[in-house]
Amino acid sequence: MTIEEIINLVQGEILCGDERVKEEVACVFASDLMSDVLTLKDNDGLMLLTGLCNLQSIRTCEMSDINYILIVRGKEVTDDMLELAEDNDMVIIRTKYSMFKTSGILYAAGLPPVY
């Protein structure tokens, strides 16, 4: 599923990486616990759904080679977060939906979980 399709499904807005909307997302992992994110392996095409909206979430994705981040619950993304994400060629999307609703929409649309 492309990033553009995901944005449409969750009524999201792209905050960073809009030139990459045609790229494919292979699977999704939903977590606010960055320690769980760090345990993931083989992260090609993985999108992280999280409500943790701070520099630590961007740093964790950087260390885990995760390039797609979907911020849930309409959290405000800071300029520092956007700058760090741009430096790491990441895509950041924001939706007003809860993590539960966002996960359900993406799963029902055929996007598989990590496990």
C-alpha atoms as a PDB file:
ATOM      1  CA  MET A   1       0.000   0.000   0.000  1.00  0.00           C
ATOM      2  CA  THR A   2       1.369   3.421  -0.870  1.00  0.00           C
ATOM      3  CA  ILE A   3       1.850   6.270   1.554  1.00  0.00           C
ATOM      4  CA  GLU A   4      -0.683   8.266  -0.453  1.00  0.00           C
ATOM      5  CA  GLU A   5      -3.299   5.533   0.036  1.00  0.00           C
ATOM      6  CA  ILE A   6      -2.581   5.446   3.767  1.00  0.00           C
ATOM      7  CA  ILE A   7      -3.001   9.221   4.032  1.00  0.00           C
ATOM      8  CA  ASN A   8      -6.383   8.982   2.322  1.00  0.00           C
ATOM      9  CA  LEU A   9      -7.563   6.072   4.475  1.00  0.00           C
ATOM     10  CA  VAL A  10      -6.749   7.759   7.802  1.00  0.00           C
ATOM     11  CA  GLN A  11      -7.625  11.277   6.656  1.00  0.00           C
ATOM     12  CA  GLY A  12      -4.055  12.226   7.473  1.00  0.00           C
ATOM     13  CA  GLU A  13      -1.778  15.053   6.551  1.00  0.00           C
ATOM     14  CA  ILE A  14       1.806  14.673   5.461  1.00  0.00           C
ATOM     15  CA  LEU A  15       4.195  16.849   7.431  1.00  0.00           C
ATOM     16  CA  CYS A  16       7.524  15.685   6.042  1.00  0.00           C
ATOM     17  CA  GLY A  17       8.578  13.699   2.973  1.00  0.00           C
ATOM     18  CA  ASP A  18       5.755  14.609   0.618  1.00  0.00           C
ATOM     19  CA  GLU A  19       7.929  13.716  -2.366  1.00  0.00           C
ATOM     20  CA  ARG A  20       7.779  10.067  -1.262  1.00  0.00           C
ATOM     21  CA  VAL A  21       3.992   9.534  -1.340  1.00  0.00           C
ATOM     22  CA  LYS A  22       4.237   6.905  -4.094  1.00  0.00           C
ATOM     23  CA  GLU A  23       6.463   4.622  -1.997  1.00  0.00           C
ATOM     24  CA  GLU A  24       5.123   1.312  -0.719  1.00  0.00           C
ATOM     25  CA  VAL A  25       4.617   0.474   2.934  1.00  0.00           C
ATOM     26  CA  ALA A  26       4.986  -3.258   3.598  1.00  0.00           C
ATOM     27  CA  CYS A  27       3.714  -3.558   7.172  1.00  0.00           C
ATOM     28  CA  VAL A  28       2.802  -1.608  10.303  1.00  0.00           C
ATOM     29  CA  PHE A  29       3.842  -1.678  13.950  1.00  0.00           C
ATOM     30  CA  ALA A  30       1.846   0.307  16.520  1.00  0.00           C
ATOM     31  CA  SER A  31       3.542   1.279  19.775  1.00  0.00           C
ATOM     32  CA  ASP A  32       4.216   4.111  22.169  1.00  0.00           C
ATOM     33  CA  LEU A  33       7.018   2.083  23.775  1.00  0.00           C
ATOM     34  CA  MET A  34      10.229   2.859  21.938  1.00  0.00           C
ATOM     35  CA  SER A  35      11.941  -0.068  23.686  1.00  0.00           C
ATOM     36  CA  ASP A  36       9.538  -2.369  21.786  1.00  0.00           C
ATOM     37  CA  VAL A  37      10.337  -0.590  18.525  1.00  0.00           C
ATOM     38  CA  LEU A  38      14.046  -1.204  19.075  1.00  0.00           C
ATOM     39  CA  THR A  39      13.426  -4.983  19.142  1.00  0.00           C
ATOM     40  CA  LEU A  40      12.109  -5.044  15.561  1.00  0.00           C
ATOM     41  CA  LYS A  41      14.165  -6.633  12.814  1.00  0.00           C
ATOM     42  CA  ASP A  42      13.950  -6.352   9.012  1.00  0.00           C
ATOM     43  CA  ASN A  43      12.331  -2.923   8.914  1.00  0.00           C
ATOM     44  CA  ASP A  44      12.255  -2.374   5.151  1.00  0.00           C
ATOM     45  CA  GLY A  45       8.949  -0.752   4.316  1.00  0.00           C
ATOM     46  CA  LEU A  46       7.781  -0.679   7.934  1.00  0.00           C
ATOM     47  CA  MET A  47       5.557   2.145   9.180  1.00  0.00           C
ATOM     48  CA  LEU A  48       5.437   3.029  12.874  1.00  0.00           C
ATOM     49  CA  LEU A  49       2.121   4.175  14.344  1.00  0.00           C
ATOM     50  CA  THR A  50       2.715   6.080  17.555  1.00  0.00           C
ATOM     51  CA  GLY A  51       1.286   8.740  19.797  1.00  0.00           C
ATOM     52  CA  LEU A  52       4.705   9.456  21.252  1.00  0.00           C
ATOM     53  CA  CYS A  53       5.446  12.797  19.716  1.00  0.00           C
ATOM     54  CA  ASN A  54       8.968  13.883  20.655  1.00  0.00           C
ATOM     55  CA  LEU A  55      12.538  13.758  19.418  1.00  0.00           C
ATOM     56  CA  GLN A  56      13.043  10.354  21.034  1.00  0.00           C
ATOM     57  CA  SER A  57      10.541   8.734  18.667  1.00  0.00           C
ATOM     58  CA  ILE A  58      12.421  10.146  15.664  1.00  0.00           C
ATOM     59  CA  ARG A  59      15.787   9.027  17.102  1.00  0.00           C
ATOM     60  CA  THR A  60      14.412   5.544  17.739  1.00  0.00           C
ATOM     61  CA  CYS A  61      13.225   5.282  14.143  1.00  0.00           C
ATOM     62  CA  GLU A  62      16.605   6.532  12.967  1.00  0.00           C
ATOM     63  CA  MET A  63      18.389   3.800  14.942  1.00  0.00           C
ATOM     64  CA  SER A  64      15.907   1.161  13.747  1.00  0.00           C
ATOM     65  CA  ASP A  65      15.986   2.164  10.065  1.00  0.00           C
ATOM     66  CA  ILE A  66      12.271   3.004  10.039  1.00  0.00           C
ATOM     67  CA  ASN A  67      11.482   5.661   7.459  1.00  0.00           C
ATOM     68  CA  TYR A  68       7.712   6.020   7.811  1.00  0.00           C
ATOM     69  CA  ILE A  69       6.043   7.412  10.947  1.00  0.00           C
ATOM     70  CA  LEU A  70       2.327   7.958  11.454  1.00  0.00           C
ATOM     71  CA  ILE A  71       1.550  10.125  14.479  1.00  0.00           C
ATOM     72  CA  VAL A  72      -1.906   9.398  15.922  1.00  0.00           C
ATOM     73  CA  ARG A  73      -4.310  11.333  18.136  1.00  0.00           C
ATOM     74  CA  GLY A  74      -3.552  14.612  16.318  1.00  0.00           C
ATOM     75  CA  LYS A  75      -0.408  15.255  18.334  1.00  0.00           C
ATOM     76  CA  GLU A  76       1.581  18.379  17.489  1.00  0.00           C
ATOM     77  CA  VAL A  77       4.879  17.696  15.748  1.00  0.00           C
ATOM     78  CA  THR A  78       7.628  20.158  16.680  1.00  0.00           C
ATOM     79  CA  ASP A  79       9.945  21.926  14.269  1.00  0.00           C
ATOM     80  CA  ASP A  80      12.878  20.051  15.832  1.00  0.00           C
ATOM     81  CA  MET A  81      11.196  16.744  15.058  1.00  0.00           C
ATOM     82  CA  LEU A  82      10.536  17.749  11.459  1.00  0.00           C
ATOM     83  CA  GLU A  83      14.101  18.957  10.999  1.00  0.00           C
ATOM     84  CA  LEU A  84      15.531  15.685  12.331  1.00  0.00           C
ATOM     85  CA  ALA A  85      13.112  13.650  10.195  1.00  0.00           C
ATOM     86  CA  GLU A  86      14.067  15.629   7.084  1.00  0.00           C
ATOM     87  CA  ASP A  87      17.759  15.113   7.843  1.00  0.00           C
ATOM     88  CA  ASN A  88      17.069  11.355   7.947  1.00  0.00           C
ATOM     89  CA  ASP A  89      14.856  11.289   4.832  1.00  0.00           C
ATOM     90  CA  MET A  90      11.780  10.168   6.798  1.00  0.00           C
ATOM     91  CA  VAL A  91       8.094  10.539   6.102  1.00  0.00           C
ATOM     92  CA  ILE A  92       5.893  11.887   8.885  1.00  0.00           C
ATOM     93  CA  ILE A  93       2.114  11.751   8.681  1.00  0.00           C
ATOM     94  CA  ARG A  94      -0.382  12.908  11.298  1.00  0.00           C
ATOM     95  CA  THR A  95      -3.969  11.748  11.818  1.00  0.00           C
ATOM     96  CA  LYS A  96      -6.578  12.788  14.355  1.00  0.00           C
ATOM     97  CA  TYR A  97      -7.677   9.152  14.739  1.00  0.00           C
ATOM     98  CA  SER A  98      -6.728   7.063  17.766  1.00  0.00           C
ATOM     99  CA  MET A  99      -4.088   4.363  17.457  1.00  0.00           C
ATOM    100  CA  PHE A 100      -6.790   1.690  17.729  1.00  0.00           C
ATOM    101  CA  LYS A 101      -8.929   3.172  14.948  1.00  0.00           C
ATOM    102  CA  THR A 102      -5.922   3.845  12.707  1.00  0.00           C
ATOM    103  CA  SER A 103      -4.633   0.296  13.175  1.00  0.00           C
ATOM    104  CA  GLY A 104      -8.062  -1.138  12.401  1.00  0.00           C
ATOM    105  CA  ILE A 105      -8.471   0.924   9.239  1.00  0.00           C
ATOM    106  CA  LEU A 106      -5.057  -0.068   7.904  1.00  0.00           C
ATOM    107  CA  TYR A 107      -5.505  -3.742   8.824  1.00  0.00           C
ATOM    108  CA  ALA A 108      -8.963  -3.860   7.211  1.00  0.00           C
ATOM    109  CA  ALA A 109      -7.458  -2.309   4.064  1.00  0.00           C
ATOM    110  CA  GLY A 110      -4.972  -5.194   3.846  1.00  0.00           C
ATOM    111  CA  LEU A 111      -1.819  -3.727   5.393  1.00  0.00           C
ATOM    112  CA  PRO A 112      -0.303  -6.499   7.535  1.00  0.00           C
ATOM    113  CA  PRO A 113       1.144  -6.146  11.032  1.00  0.00           C
ATOM    114  CA  VAL A 114       4.786  -6.925  11.771  1.00  0.00           C
ATOM    115  CA  TYR A 115       3.670 -10.017  13.701  1.00  0.00           C
END
